[in-house]
Protein backbone atom coordinates (compact mmCIF):
# COMPACT_ATOMS: atom_id res chain seq x y z
CA MET A 1 -25.38 89.16 46.77
CA LYS A 2 -25.02 85.77 49.29
CA THR A 3 -27.49 84.11 47.66
CA LYS A 4 -25.53 84.27 44.28
CA ASP A 5 -22.31 83.04 46.22
CA ILE A 6 -24.84 80.24 47.86
CA PHE A 7 -25.90 79.15 44.68
CA LYS A 8 -23.13 78.97 42.79
CA CYS A 9 -21.45 76.82 45.35
CA ILE A 10 -24.38 74.17 45.39
CA THR A 11 -24.03 74.34 41.60
CA ILE A 12 -20.59 73.66 41.60
CA LYS A 13 -21.37 70.80 44.42
CA LEU A 14 -23.67 69.34 42.00
CA ILE A 15 -21.97 69.35 38.94
CA ILE A 16 -18.88 67.27 41.10
CA PHE A 17 -21.27 64.63 42.47
CA LEU A 18 -22.87 64.40 38.80
CA ILE A 19 -19.35 63.88 37.54
CA PHE A 20 -18.18 61.26 39.91
CA THR A 21 -21.81 59.35 40.27
CA PHE A 22 -21.03 59.21 36.24
CA MET A 23 -17.85 57.65 36.60
CA PHE A 24 -19.08 55.27 38.93
CA ILE A 25 -21.44 53.71 37.00
CA LEU A 26 -19.47 53.90 33.79
CA PHE A 27 -16.80 51.96 36.53
CA TYR A 28 -19.88 49.62 37.24
CA TRP A 29 -21.31 49.04 33.89
CA TYR A 30 -17.92 47.81 32.50
CA THR A 31 -17.40 45.67 35.76
CA VAL A 32 -20.97 43.82 34.81
CA SER A 33 -19.89 43.55 31.05
CA SER A 34 -16.61 42.05 31.70
CA PHE A 35 -18.55 39.76 34.36
CA CYS A 36 -21.19 38.55 31.96
CA ALA A 37 -19.07 37.96 28.97
CA VAL A 38 -16.59 35.65 30.90
CA TYR A 39 -19.23 34.16 32.83
CA LYS A 40 -22.05 33.62 29.91
CA ASN A 41 -23.95 30.73 32.13
CA SER A 42 -24.72 32.98 34.74
CA GLN A 43 -26.10 36.15 33.32
CA THR A 44 -29.65 35.34 33.65
CA THR A 45 -28.98 34.35 37.52
CA PHE A 46 -27.22 37.86 37.45
CA ILE A 47 -30.17 40.32 36.03
CA LEU A 48 -32.89 38.41 38.27
CA ASP A 49 -30.67 39.07 41.03
CA TRP A 50 -30.07 42.42 39.80
CA ILE A 51 -34.04 42.83 39.58
CA PHE A 52 -35.05 41.34 43.10
CA THR A 53 -32.07 43.22 44.62
CA SER A 54 -33.64 46.72 42.81
CA LEU A 55 -37.01 45.88 43.72
CA PHE A 56 -36.39 45.16 47.63
CA GLY A 57 -34.11 48.50 47.83
CA PHE A 58 -36.93 50.60 46.67
CA LEU A 59 -39.85 48.98 48.51
CA ILE A 60 -38.25 48.72 51.72
CA PRO A 61 -38.12 52.30 52.26
CA PHE A 62 -41.47 52.68 51.61
CA VAL A 63 -42.45 50.05 53.82
CA ILE A 64 -40.11 51.61 56.86
CA TYR A 65 -41.75 54.83 56.62
CA LEU A 66 -44.57 53.51 55.94
CA ILE A 67 -45.33 52.46 59.85
CA PRO A 68 -44.33 56.07 61.40
CA SER A 69 -46.96 57.71 58.95
CA GLY A 70 -49.54 55.34 59.98
CA LEU A 71 -48.45 55.77 64.22
CA ARG A 72 -48.78 59.43 63.32
CA ILE A 73 -52.14 59.35 61.53
CA CYS A 74 -53.32 57.50 64.11
CA ALA A 75 -52.16 59.62 66.80
CA LEU A 76 -53.34 62.64 65.29
CA LYS A 77 -56.56 61.44 64.61
CA LYS A 78 -57.20 60.20 68.36
CA GLN A 79 -55.71 63.17 70.10
CA LYS A 80 -58.26 62.58 72.96
CA TRP A 81 -55.98 59.36 74.11
CA LYS A 82 -53.44 59.63 76.44
CA ALA A 83 -52.00 57.00 74.46
CA SER A 84 -51.54 59.23 71.15
CA LEU A 85 -48.52 61.25 72.89
CA VAL A 86 -47.21 57.84 73.34
CA ILE A 87 -47.43 56.54 69.48
CA TYR A 88 -46.60 60.06 68.34
CA LYS A 89 -43.36 59.89 70.19
CA LEU A 90 -42.65 56.26 69.02
CA SER A 91 -43.38 57.30 65.34
CA LYS A 92 -40.72 60.03 65.64
CA ILE A 93 -38.13 57.28 67.21
CA ILE A 94 -38.36 54.49 64.50
CA PRO A 95 -37.26 56.28 61.43
CA ILE A 96 -33.90 56.31 64.00
CA PHE A 97 -33.60 52.33 63.39
């Protein structure tokens, strides 16, 4: 009984989230299309900036979490070292920043 209530609550929250997200995407699309319609000479610059921003937005989290993962793998492989405990604790602290 409680599982059904939790599932229903999560479903309602997800639907509300999707509706708001869709509304924001429509608003953003309208704003971008209006901007590009008014400033026709800046369309290519806008699109290139959007591509670079998207690429960096997707790549930076991978790089940020690749460093702690590498430190953890190094610490777990070299468990005989006394420094491995320090490396492991450091890998837990880095994602906080």
